[in-house]
Amino acid sequence: MRRAWSSLGDRLGSLLSEDVVYEMPQTQERIRGRAAFMRFNADYPGDGHLRMRQVVADGRFAALWLDVSQSGLVERITDYWPESNDPPAGREHLVERW
């Protein structure tokens, strides 16, 4: 991801605390500190591409919408809704709950 990371990394790095903690639940890995996080992304193997879509912050909390493309195909879709609710009945055979 080196090619796409340089300009994005500078902008993203300016938003991170020196002691930021980055966690990846799927692989159970944790990276501590801005420098380690930046190095992890700059040295990440493969020919991926990053695109920062939006950053929303209020001084205490922030959310980052970042597109990461490695294979060129969509690998995951996450759909956020403004309120939590129970799913409608009748589609239990189509989904798994967690």
C-alpha atoms as a PDB file:
ATOM      1  CA  MET A   1       0.000   0.000   0.000  1.00  0.00           C
ATOM      2  CA  ARG A   2       3.009   2.274  -0.150  1.00  0.00           C
ATOM      3  CA  ARG A   3       2.018   4.302  -3.204  1.00  0.00           C
ATOM      4  CA  ALA A   4      -1.431   5.279  -1.974  1.00  0.00           C
ATOM      5  CA  TRP A   5      -0.396   5.610   1.681  1.00  0.00           C
ATOM      6  CA  SER A   6       2.041   8.547   1.521  1.00  0.00           C
ATOM      7  CA  SER A   7      -0.342  11.507   1.149  1.00  0.00           C
ATOM      8  CA  LEU A   8      -3.194   9.787   2.972  1.00  0.00           C
ATOM      9  CA  GLY A   9      -0.857   8.802   5.785  1.00  0.00           C
ATOM     10  CA  ASP A  10       0.291  12.372   6.358  1.00  0.00           C
ATOM     11  CA  ARG A  11      -3.294  13.591   6.650  1.00  0.00           C
ATOM     12  CA  LEU A  12      -4.421  10.680   8.810  1.00  0.00           C
ATOM     13  CA  GLY A  13      -1.332  10.859  11.021  1.00  0.00           C
ATOM     14  CA  SER A  14      -2.121  14.456  11.906  1.00  0.00           C
ATOM     15  CA  LEU A  15      -5.383  13.261  13.478  1.00  0.00           C
ATOM     16  CA  LEU A  16      -3.835  10.568  15.684  1.00  0.00           C
ATOM     17  CA  SER A  17      -2.723  10.824  19.277  1.00  0.00           C
ATOM     18  CA  GLU A  18       0.882   9.824  19.992  1.00  0.00           C
ATOM     19  CA  ASP A  19      -0.475   6.916  22.061  1.00  0.00           C
ATOM     20  CA  VAL A  20      -3.252   5.798  19.682  1.00  0.00           C
ATOM     21  CA  VAL A  21      -4.254   2.122  19.919  1.00  0.00           C
ATOM     22  CA  TYR A  22      -5.259   0.336  16.703  1.00  0.00           C
ATOM     23  CA  GLU A  23      -7.015  -3.026  17.078  1.00  0.00           C
ATOM     24  CA  MET A  24      -7.928  -5.637  14.503  1.00  0.00           C
ATOM     25  CA  PRO A  25     -10.428  -8.035  16.129  1.00  0.00           C
ATOM     26  CA  GLN A  26     -10.376 -10.471  13.207  1.00  0.00           C
ATOM     27  CA  THR A  27      -6.642 -11.223  13.597  1.00  0.00           C
ATOM     28  CA  GLN A  28      -6.405 -10.337  17.301  1.00  0.00           C
ATOM     29  CA  GLU A  29      -3.582  -7.884  16.663  1.00  0.00           C
ATOM     30  CA  ARG A  30      -2.972  -4.566  18.387  1.00  0.00           C
ATOM     31  CA  ILE A  31      -0.633  -1.725  17.470  1.00  0.00           C
ATOM     32  CA  ARG A  32       0.285   0.916  20.035  1.00  0.00           C
ATOM     33  CA  GLY A  33       1.444   4.401  19.138  1.00  0.00           C
ATOM     34  CA  ARG A  34       1.190   6.711  16.142  1.00  0.00           C
ATOM     35  CA  ALA A  35       4.665   5.885  14.820  1.00  0.00           C
ATOM     36  CA  ALA A  36       4.004   2.131  14.938  1.00  0.00           C
ATOM     37  CA  PHE A  37       0.604   2.574  13.274  1.00  0.00           C
ATOM     38  CA  MET A  38       2.064   4.707  10.502  1.00  0.00           C
ATOM     39  CA  ARG A  39       4.923   2.249   9.937  1.00  0.00           C
ATOM     40  CA  PHE A  40       2.501  -0.705   9.869  1.00  0.00           C
ATOM     41  CA  ASN A  41       0.493   0.904   7.090  1.00  0.00           C
ATOM     42  CA  ALA A  42       3.452   2.229   5.112  1.00  0.00           C
ATOM     43  CA  ASP A  43       5.146  -1.195   5.130  1.00  0.00           C
ATOM     44  CA  TYR A  44       1.989  -3.262   4.571  1.00  0.00           C
ATOM     45  CA  PRO A  45       2.687  -5.915   1.911  1.00  0.00           C
ATOM     46  CA  GLY A  46       0.820  -6.087  -1.374  1.00  0.00           C
ATOM     47  CA  ASP A  47      -0.483  -3.629  -3.897  1.00  0.00           C
ATOM     48  CA  GLY A  48      -3.454  -2.214  -2.067  1.00  0.00           C
ATOM     49  CA  HIS A  49      -5.064   1.173  -2.443  1.00  0.00           C
ATOM     50  CA  LEU A  50      -6.423   3.453   0.252  1.00  0.00           C
ATOM     51  CA  ARG A  51      -8.887   6.271  -0.097  1.00  0.00           C
ATOM     52  CA  MET A  52     -10.094   8.386   2.793  1.00  0.00           C
ATOM     53  CA  ARG A  53     -13.732   9.239   2.199  1.00  0.00           C
ATOM     54  CA  GLN A  54     -14.689  11.131   5.316  1.00  0.00           C
ATOM     55  CA  VAL A  55     -13.586  11.981   8.828  1.00  0.00           C
ATOM     56  CA  VAL A  56     -16.154  13.051  11.398  1.00  0.00           C
ATOM     57  CA  ALA A  57     -14.847  14.351  14.715  1.00  0.00           C
ATOM     58  CA  ASP A  58     -16.135  16.423  17.577  1.00  0.00           C
ATOM     59  CA  GLY A  59     -12.941  16.850  19.588  1.00  0.00           C
ATOM     60  CA  ARG A  60     -13.412  13.722  21.701  1.00  0.00           C
ATOM     61  CA  PHE A  61     -14.686  11.057  19.298  1.00  0.00           C
ATOM     62  CA  ALA A  62     -14.003  10.457  15.642  1.00  0.00           C
ATOM     63  CA  ALA A  63     -15.009   8.071  12.906  1.00  0.00           C
ATOM     64  CA  LEU A  64     -13.056   7.412   9.736  1.00  0.00           C
ATOM     65  CA  TRP A  65     -14.526   6.017   6.551  1.00  0.00           C
ATOM     66  CA  LEU A  66     -11.617   4.503   4.681  1.00  0.00           C
ATOM     67  CA  ASP A  67     -11.802   2.422   1.514  1.00  0.00           C
ATOM     68  CA  VAL A  68      -9.158  -0.284   1.338  1.00  0.00           C
ATOM     69  CA  SER A  69      -8.931  -2.259  -1.874  1.00  0.00           C
ATOM     70  CA  GLN A  70      -6.562  -5.164  -2.272  1.00  0.00           C
ATOM     71  CA  SER A  71      -8.212  -7.566  -4.708  1.00  0.00           C
ATOM     72  CA  GLY A  72     -10.322  -5.134  -6.679  1.00  0.00           C
ATOM     73  CA  LEU A  73     -13.530  -6.853  -5.569  1.00  0.00           C
ATOM     74  CA  VAL A  74     -15.863  -5.874  -2.745  1.00  0.00           C
ATOM     75  CA  GLU A  75     -15.099  -8.120   0.216  1.00  0.00           C
ATOM     76  CA  ARG A  76     -17.284  -6.618   2.933  1.00  0.00           C
ATOM     77  CA  ILE A  77     -20.220  -4.247   3.209  1.00  0.00           C
ATOM     78  CA  THR A  78     -21.249  -2.624   6.479  1.00  0.00           C
ATOM     79  CA  ASP A  79     -24.564  -0.828   6.646  1.00  0.00           C
ATOM     80  CA  TYR A  80     -25.075   1.633   9.512  1.00  0.00           C
ATOM     81  CA  TRP A  81     -28.480   2.915  10.564  1.00  0.00           C
ATOM     82  CA  PRO A  82     -29.131   5.834  12.930  1.00  0.00           C
ATOM     83  CA  GLU A  83     -31.056   3.750  15.483  1.00  0.00           C
ATOM     84  CA  SER A  84     -30.792   0.203  16.819  1.00  0.00           C
ATOM     85  CA  ASN A  85     -33.843  -1.945  16.254  1.00  0.00           C
ATOM     86  CA  ASP A  86     -34.940  -5.542  15.982  1.00  0.00           C
ATOM     87  CA  PRO A  87     -34.901  -7.024  12.490  1.00  0.00           C
ATOM     88  CA  PRO A  88     -38.232  -7.702  10.837  1.00  0.00           C
ATOM     89  CA  ALA A  89     -39.605 -11.225  11.079  1.00  0.00           C
ATOM     90  CA  GLY A  90     -39.429 -13.555   8.117  1.00  0.00           C
ATOM     91  CA  ARG A  91     -35.820 -13.288   7.054  1.00  0.00           C
ATOM     92  CA  GLU A  92     -34.210 -15.526   9.680  1.00  0.00           C
ATOM     93  CA  HIS A  93     -33.278 -18.054   6.966  1.00  0.00           C
ATOM     94  CA  LEU A  94     -31.233 -15.386   5.146  1.00  0.00           C
ATOM     95  CA  VAL A  95     -29.102 -13.985   7.944  1.00  0.00           C
ATOM     96  CA  GLU A  96     -26.935 -14.915  10.892  1.00  0.00           C
ATOM     97  CA  ARG A  97     -27.173 -12.922  14.125  1.00  0.00           C
ATOM     98  CA  TRP A  98     -24.228 -12.063  16.351  1.00  0.00           C
END
